[in-house]
Amino acid sequence: MEKCVVTGATGHIGNVLVRELLARGKKVRALVLPNEDLTPIANLDVEIVYGDVTDREFLFSFFEKDDMVYHLAGLIDIVDVPYEKIYNVNVNGTKNVVDACIKNGVKRLVYTSSVHIIEPEKDKVLLEPTTFDDKNLVGNYAKTKAIATKYVTEKAKSGEIDAVVVYPSGVIGPNDYKISELGQVILDYMNEKLIAYVKGGYNFVDVRDVVNGIILAAEKGKSGEGYILSGRYVTLKEMLSILNKKLKRKKLPYKIALWFIKMMVPLANLYYRTLHKKPVFTAYSLYTLNVNANFGNEKAKQELGYTTRPVEDTLFDTVDWFRENKPELVKKNKTEKTQKNK
């Protein structure tokens, strides 16, 4: 039985990866932070190990020979996250993982990077990066992931470790226990709290397709190489139109000017912070929605056999998952209220 280690196991991609590895008969050890909410992987046949990727000494005693290591632990800088903290987790944490894997002779490391480290040049298909300069990137998350990816790639290219990198685009889908930024957008729209939208869109991909791509990278990827795990470009208007089909609605929210929503971002962030929720729109997310997001996944398709499902299936399944697993967060629609009153 193959031994697999998953860091960041309670995250959106992480918990879906754990489930899929178990379904394939793998033995899984999940690395989670002390006092972390284990709901995303509760009741699964997995060994829970408490630890921190920033604890270098711990990692050197944690990994074992011939482990298949999936490193997903990381921090996203939504708002008010100090750069030092993001750097320590995303860069130092990844370096610690790589060095500990080398020291203990693991079978292979699959590192989950991000398409955010690819400079969004206009009017071209964006492919896997060959250089990792963080200077022209926007946002601390992108910068730190680029630095970390460079370290992983260099160690693999030098032959010190068998390692593969994957670059997911905007991840959406079921099992979103911690409510991602995109999950919050869908929830707010389900609850009729999203009353306006802006122009723009992004390349969205189903979390289940990403997980399948990660496992394919572990099985078939070439050491030192990277693979974009993207879906397709979807505008916010198209996303809301698809959700309307599922929610049996006809009207879309108002479309408002980008300059106006940018002006309102500080107040919106304060509002969501008060509610202890992730903000729907931030300065960075607005920037992301209006740059080139045409990420090509041909390399992953050709070398790994990577496939994706229709975005309609993903959005419909996400709505169903929220209704079944987070009913306390979902406002009952008018039909449901009528039926209950009867």
Protein backbone atom coordinates (compact mmCIF):
# COMPACT_ATOMS: atom_id res chain seq x y z
CA MET A 1 0.00 0.00 0.00
CA GLU A 2 1.50 3.33 -1.10
CA LYS A 3 2.11 5.76 1.76
CA CYS A 4 0.95 9.29 1.03
CA VAL A 5 1.50 12.45 3.06
CA VAL A 6 -0.72 15.50 2.50
CA THR A 7 0.16 18.89 3.98
CA GLY A 8 -2.67 21.40 4.12
CA ALA A 9 -5.02 18.43 4.34
CA THR A 10 -8.03 20.39 5.63
CA GLY A 11 -7.98 22.93 2.81
CA HIS A 12 -10.33 22.82 -0.17
CA ILE A 13 -7.96 20.95 -2.48
CA GLY A 14 -6.40 19.12 0.46
CA ASN A 15 -9.51 17.43 1.83
CA VAL A 16 -10.70 16.41 -1.64
CA LEU A 17 -7.23 14.97 -2.35
CA VAL A 18 -7.29 12.98 0.91
CA ARG A 19 -10.69 11.54 0.00
CA GLU A 20 -9.58 10.56 -3.49
CA LEU A 21 -6.34 8.95 -2.29
CA LEU A 22 -8.30 6.88 0.23
CA ALA A 23 -10.77 5.89 -2.48
CA ARG A 24 -7.81 4.59 -4.50
CA GLY A 25 -6.62 2.43 -1.63
CA LYS A 26 -3.73 4.61 -0.46
CA LYS A 27 -2.57 4.97 3.13
CA VAL A 28 -2.75 8.64 4.06
CA ARG A 29 -1.11 10.73 6.75
CA ALA A 30 -2.60 14.21 7.02
CA LEU A 31 -0.44 17.02 8.38
CA VAL A 32 -2.59 19.61 10.15
CA LEU A 33 -1.88 22.55 12.41
CA PRO A 34 -2.39 22.15 16.18
CA ASN A 35 -5.94 23.12 17.21
CA GLU A 36 -7.09 23.09 13.57
CA ASP A 37 -10.73 22.33 12.77
CA LEU A 38 -10.71 18.77 11.44
CA THR A 39 -14.26 18.83 10.06
CA PRO A 40 -13.13 18.60 6.40
CA ILE A 41 -11.46 15.22 7.03
CA ALA A 42 -13.53 14.00 9.97
CA ASN A 43 -14.49 10.32 10.02
CA LEU A 44 -12.00 9.45 7.29
CA ASP A 45 -9.60 6.54 7.65
CA VAL A 46 -6.57 8.79 7.81
CA GLU A 47 -3.71 9.22 10.27
CA ILE A 48 -3.79 12.75 11.71
CA VAL A 49 -0.43 14.28 12.57
CA TYR A 50 -0.23 17.70 14.19
CA GLY A 51 2.63 19.87 13.06
CA ASP A 52 3.71 22.98 11.18
CA VAL A 53 5.67 23.28 7.94
CA THR A 54 7.59 26.18 9.47
CA ASP A 55 8.96 23.78 12.10
CA ARG A 56 12.03 22.50 10.28
CA GLU A 57 13.16 20.09 12.99
CA PHE A 58 9.72 18.48 13.15
CA LEU A 59 9.59 17.90 9.38
CA PHE A 60 12.97 16.17 9.37
CA SER A 61 11.55 13.57 11.74
CA PHE A 62 8.12 13.45 10.09
CA PHE A 63 8.73 12.30 6.52
CA GLU A 64 9.69 8.69 5.87
CA LYS A 65 11.54 6.90 3.11
CA ASP A 66 9.41 6.19 0.03
CA ASP A 67 6.59 8.54 1.09
CA MET A 68 4.61 10.13 -1.74
CA VAL A 69 4.38 13.73 -0.52
CA TYR A 70 1.70 16.16 -1.63
CA HIS A 71 2.57 19.65 -0.38
CA LEU A 72 -0.43 21.98 -0.39
CA ALA A 73 -0.04 23.95 2.87
CA GLY A 74 0.10 27.69 2.23
CA LEU A 75 -1.29 31.10 3.09
CA ILE A 76 -3.34 33.35 0.81
CA ASP A 77 -3.09 37.10 1.48
CA ILE A 78 -6.71 38.17 1.29
CA VAL A 79 -6.51 41.17 3.62
CA ASP A 80 -4.34 42.19 6.55
CA VAL A 81 -1.95 39.21 6.49
CA PRO A 82 1.61 40.40 7.21
CA TYR A 83 4.11 39.66 4.44
CA GLU A 84 6.51 38.09 6.93
CA LYS A 85 3.88 35.52 7.92
CA ILE A 86 3.03 34.67 4.31
CA TYR A 87 6.72 34.39 3.42
CA ASN A 88 7.43 32.17 6.40
CA VAL A 89 4.71 29.69 5.48
CA ASN A 90 4.84 29.78 1.67
CA VAL A 91 8.60 30.10 1.19
CA ASN A 92 10.34 28.88 4.33
CA GLY A 93 7.72 26.19 4.87
CA THR A 94 8.17 24.87 1.34
CA LYS A 95 11.96 24.94 1.64
CA ASN A 96 11.66 22.97 4.88
CA VAL A 97 9.43 20.39 3.19
CA VAL A 98 11.80 20.01 0.24
CA ASP A 99 14.90 19.73 2.40
CA ALA A 100 13.25 17.21 4.74
CA CYS A 101 12.06 15.14 1.75
CA ILE A 102 15.60 15.08 0.37
CA LYS A 103 17.07 14.10 3.74
CA ASN A 104 14.60 11.24 4.22
CA GLY A 105 14.57 9.91 0.67
CA VAL A 106 10.88 10.26 -0.15
CA LYS A 107 9.55 8.66 -3.32
CA ARG A 108 8.30 11.87 -4.93
CA LEU A 109 7.11 15.37 -4.03
CA VAL A 110 4.18 17.00 -5.79
CA TYR A 111 4.07 20.72 -5.02
CA THR A 112 0.87 22.70 -5.59
CA SER A 113 1.88 26.14 -6.81
CA SER A 114 -0.53 28.56 -8.55
CA VAL A 115 -1.17 30.16 -11.93
CA HIS A 116 -0.83 33.47 -10.10
CA ILE A 117 2.94 33.18 -10.48
CA ILE A 118 2.56 33.44 -14.28
CA GLU A 119 2.79 37.01 -15.56
CA PRO A 120 -0.57 37.78 -17.24
CA GLU A 121 0.76 39.06 -20.56
CA LYS A 122 -1.97 40.38 -22.83
CA ASP A 123 -3.38 38.60 -25.87
CA LYS A 124 -1.60 35.27 -25.53
CA VAL A 125 -2.14 31.79 -24.16
CA LEU A 126 -0.38 31.61 -20.80
CA LEU A 127 1.75 28.49 -20.42
CA GLU A 128 3.86 26.89 -17.68
CA PRO A 129 6.57 29.30 -16.50
CA THR A 130 10.23 28.59 -17.23
CA THR A 131 11.56 31.39 -15.01
CA PHE A 132 10.34 32.46 -11.58
CA ASP A 133 10.98 36.18 -11.18
CA ASP A 134 8.66 37.59 -8.53
CA LYS A 135 9.45 41.27 -9.17
CA ASN A 136 6.69 41.90 -11.71
CA LEU A 137 4.03 39.89 -9.92
CA VAL A 138 1.15 41.51 -8.04
CA GLY A 139 0.36 40.40 -4.50
CA ASN A 140 2.33 38.74 -1.73
CA TYR A 141 0.76 35.36 -2.42
CA ALA A 142 1.97 35.31 -6.02
CA LYS A 143 5.42 36.58 -5.08
CA THR A 144 5.99 34.02 -2.33
CA LYS A 145 4.62 31.13 -4.38
CA ALA A 146 7.00 32.08 -7.20
CA ILE A 147 9.99 32.03 -4.86
CA ALA A 148 8.92 28.68 -3.42
CA THR A 149 8.28 27.19 -6.87
CA LYS A 150 11.72 28.25 -8.01
CA TYR A 151 13.28 26.40 -5.08
CA VAL A 152 11.34 23.19 -5.75
CA THR A 153 12.13 23.30 -9.47
CA GLU A 154 15.84 23.98 -8.99
CA LYS A 155 16.20 21.10 -6.53
CA ALA A 156 14.40 18.77 -8.95
CA LYS A 157 16.40 19.94 -11.98
CA SER A 158 19.65 19.33 -10.07
CA GLY A 159 18.56 15.77 -9.35
CA GLU A 160 18.46 16.21 -5.57
CA ILE A 161 14.78 15.27 -5.43
CA ASP A 162 12.10 13.75 -7.63
CA ALA A 163 9.56 16.57 -7.67
CA VAL A 164 6.73 17.82 -9.89
CA VAL A 165 4.87 21.15 -9.74
CA VAL A 166 1.20 21.78 -10.57
CA TYR A 167 -0.44 25.14 -11.23
CA PRO A 168 -4.20 25.19 -10.54
CA SER A 169 -6.27 28.13 -11.75
CA GLY A 170 -9.33 29.45 -9.84
CA VAL A 171 -10.58 26.46 -7.84
CA ILE A 172 -14.30 25.97 -7.24
CA GLY A 173 -16.45 23.00 -6.36
CA PRO A 174 -17.91 20.83 -3.57
CA ASN A 175 -16.31 20.06 -0.19
CA ASP A 176 -15.60 23.76 0.36
CA TYR A 177 -15.73 23.42 4.14
CA LYS A 178 -13.75 26.55 4.97
CA ILE A 179 -15.68 28.65 2.43
CA SER A 180 -13.19 29.89 -0.13
CA GLU A 181 -13.45 33.34 -1.69
CA LEU A 182 -15.28 31.90 -4.69
CA GLY A 183 -17.40 29.75 -2.39
CA GLN A 184 -18.43 32.90 -0.54
CA VAL A 185 -19.49 34.51 -3.83
CA ILE A 186 -21.69 31.50 -4.63
CA LEU A 187 -23.15 31.40 -1.11
CA ASP A 188 -23.91 35.12 -1.17
CA TYR A 189 -25.63 34.75 -4.52
CA MET A 190 -27.64 31.76 -3.27
CA ASN A 191 -28.73 33.89 -0.31
CA GLU A 192 -29.59 36.89 -2.50
CA LYS A 193 -26.92 39.00 -0.83
CA LEU A 194 -24.91 39.60 -3.98
CA ILE A 195 -26.85 42.49 -5.44
CA ALA A 196 -24.27 43.63 -8.00
CA TYR A 197 -21.39 42.38 -10.10
CA VAL A 198 -18.57 43.88 -12.14
CA LYS A 199 -17.15 43.13 -15.56
CA GLY A 200 -14.44 40.53 -15.83
CA GLY A 201 -13.92 36.84 -15.21
CA TYR A 202 -11.34 34.17 -14.63
CA ASN A 203 -10.27 30.68 -15.55
CA PHE A 204 -12.17 28.43 -13.16
CA VAL A 205 -11.54 24.73 -12.56
CA ASP A 206 -13.35 22.06 -10.56
CA VAL A 207 -11.54 21.02 -7.38
CA ARG A 208 -12.13 17.37 -8.29
CA ASP A 209 -10.41 17.86 -11.65
CA VAL A 210 -7.49 19.55 -9.91
CA VAL A 211 -7.15 16.62 -7.51
CA ASN A 212 -7.23 14.17 -10.41
CA GLY A 213 -4.53 16.26 -12.10
CA ILE A 214 -2.38 16.25 -8.97
CA ILE A 215 -2.55 12.47 -8.73
CA LEU A 216 -1.80 12.15 -12.45
CA ALA A 217 1.24 14.40 -11.92
CA ALA A 218 2.39 12.08 -9.14
CA GLU A 219 1.98 9.06 -11.41
CA LYS A 220 3.09 10.38 -14.80
CA GLY A 221 4.70 13.79 -14.39
CA LYS A 222 8.36 14.37 -15.27
CA SER A 223 10.60 15.43 -12.43
CA GLY A 224 11.48 19.12 -12.64
CA GLU A 225 8.46 19.88 -14.83
CA GLY A 226 5.27 21.81 -14.10
CA TYR A 227 1.70 21.36 -15.33
CA ILE A 228 -1.11 23.91 -15.50
CA LEU A 229 -4.37 22.47 -14.15
CA SER A 230 -6.88 24.93 -15.54
CA GLY A 231 -10.50 24.79 -16.67
CA ARG A 232 -11.98 27.47 -18.89
CA TYR A 233 -12.52 31.22 -18.80
CA VAL A 234 -15.88 32.22 -17.34
CA THR A 235 -17.14 35.78 -16.90
CA LEU A 236 -18.91 36.70 -13.67
CA LYS A 237 -22.03 37.38 -15.71
CA GLU A 238 -21.90 33.88 -17.22
CA MET A 239 -21.30 32.33 -13.80
CA LEU A 240 -24.34 34.08 -12.32
CA SER A 241 -26.44 33.12 -15.37
CA ILE A 242 -25.52 29.46 -14.85
CA LEU A 243 -26.39 29.73 -11.15
CA ASN A 244 -29.74 31.24 -12.12
CA LYS A 245 -30.61 28.02 -13.96
CA LYS A 246 -29.94 26.01 -10.82
CA LEU A 247 -31.67 28.48 -8.51
CA LYS A 248 -34.62 28.96 -10.92
CA ARG A 249 -34.13 32.71 -11.18
CA LYS A 250 -34.54 34.93 -14.21
CA LYS A 251 -32.91 38.23 -13.30
CA LEU A 252 -29.23 39.04 -12.83
CA PRO A 253 -27.92 41.52 -10.26
CA TYR A 254 -27.01 45.04 -11.33
CA LYS A 255 -23.73 45.55 -13.15
CA ILE A 256 -21.77 48.37 -11.57
CA ALA A 257 -18.71 50.29 -12.67
CA LEU A 258 -15.32 48.88 -11.71
CA TRP A 259 -14.13 52.25 -10.36
CA PHE A 260 -17.06 52.36 -7.94
CA ILE A 261 -16.51 48.90 -6.49
CA LYS A 262 -12.79 49.66 -6.11
CA MET A 263 -13.75 52.72 -4.07
CA MET A 264 -16.01 50.59 -1.87
CA VAL A 265 -13.48 47.79 -1.23
CA PRO A 266 -12.20 49.16 2.14
CA LEU A 267 -15.75 49.40 3.52
CA ALA A 268 -16.64 45.96 2.16
CA ASN A 269 -13.56 44.42 3.76
CA LEU A 270 -14.52 45.97 7.09
CA TYR A 271 -18.06 44.59 6.73
CA TYR A 272 -16.89 41.03 6.05
CA ARG A 273 -14.28 41.21 8.81
CA THR A 274 -17.04 42.15 11.26
CA LEU A 275 -19.03 39.09 10.13
CA HIS A 276 -15.90 36.90 10.29
CA LYS A 277 -16.35 36.04 6.61
CA LYS A 278 -14.01 36.23 3.65
CA PRO A 279 -14.65 39.33 1.51
CA VAL A 280 -16.28 38.78 -1.87
CA PHE A 281 -14.23 41.46 -3.60
CA THR A 282 -10.78 42.72 -2.68
CA ALA A 283 -8.36 44.99 -4.53
CA TYR A 284 -6.44 41.89 -5.62
CA SER A 285 -9.49 39.92 -6.74
CA LEU A 286 -10.69 42.88 -8.82
CA TYR A 287 -7.26 43.07 -10.42
CA THR A 288 -7.32 39.33 -11.12
CA LEU A 289 -10.77 39.46 -12.71
CA ASN A 290 -9.56 41.94 -15.31
CA VAL A 291 -6.23 40.55 -16.52
CA ASN A 292 -5.47 37.80 -19.01
CA ALA A 293 -6.50 34.44 -17.56
CA ASN A 294 -6.18 32.34 -20.70
CA PHE A 295 -4.21 29.51 -19.11
CA GLY A 296 -3.39 26.67 -21.46
CA ASN A 297 -3.57 23.10 -20.13
CA GLU A 298 -2.47 21.22 -23.26
CA LYS A 299 0.73 20.00 -21.62
CA ALA A 300 -1.22 18.41 -18.76
CA LYS A 301 -3.69 16.87 -21.21
CA GLN A 302 -1.00 15.42 -23.47
CA GLU A 303 1.52 14.23 -20.87
CA LEU A 304 -0.77 13.34 -17.97
CA GLY A 305 -4.15 12.58 -19.53
CA TYR A 306 -5.72 15.50 -17.62
CA THR A 307 -9.41 16.19 -18.27
CA THR A 308 -11.99 18.71 -17.04
CA ARG A 309 -15.76 18.72 -16.66
CA PRO A 310 -18.25 21.42 -17.75
CA VAL A 311 -18.38 24.45 -15.44
CA GLU A 312 -22.16 24.00 -15.27
CA ASP A 313 -21.70 20.65 -13.52
CA THR A 314 -19.27 22.21 -11.06
CA LEU A 315 -21.56 25.10 -10.13
CA PHE A 316 -24.65 22.88 -9.84
CA ASP A 317 -22.76 20.41 -7.62
CA THR A 318 -21.43 23.24 -5.46
CA VAL A 319 -24.93 24.59 -4.82
CA ASP A 320 -26.13 21.09 -3.91
CA TRP A 321 -23.15 20.57 -1.60
CA PHE A 322 -23.76 23.82 0.28
CA ARG A 323 -27.44 22.96 0.70
CA GLU A 324 -26.68 19.47 2.02
CA ASN A 325 -23.59 20.19 4.12
CA LYS A 326 -23.92 23.83 5.18
CA PRO A 327 -27.70 24.24 5.61
CA GLU A 328 -27.19 26.75 8.41
CA LEU A 329 -25.52 29.09 5.91
CA VAL A 330 -28.13 28.74 3.17
CA LYS A 331 -31.21 30.90 3.18
CA LYS A 332 -34.38 28.99 2.24
CA ASN A 333 -35.85 30.19 -1.04
CA LYS A 334 -39.48 31.22 -1.45
CA THR A 335 -40.57 27.78 -2.74
CA GLU A 336 -39.07 26.04 0.27
CA LYS A 337 -40.72 28.50 2.65
CA THR A 338 -44.12 27.96 1.01
CA GLN A 339 -43.79 24.18 1.26
CA LYS A 340 -42.81 24.41 4.92
CA ASN A 341 -45.82 26.63 5.73
CA LYS A 342 -48.15 24.10 4.07
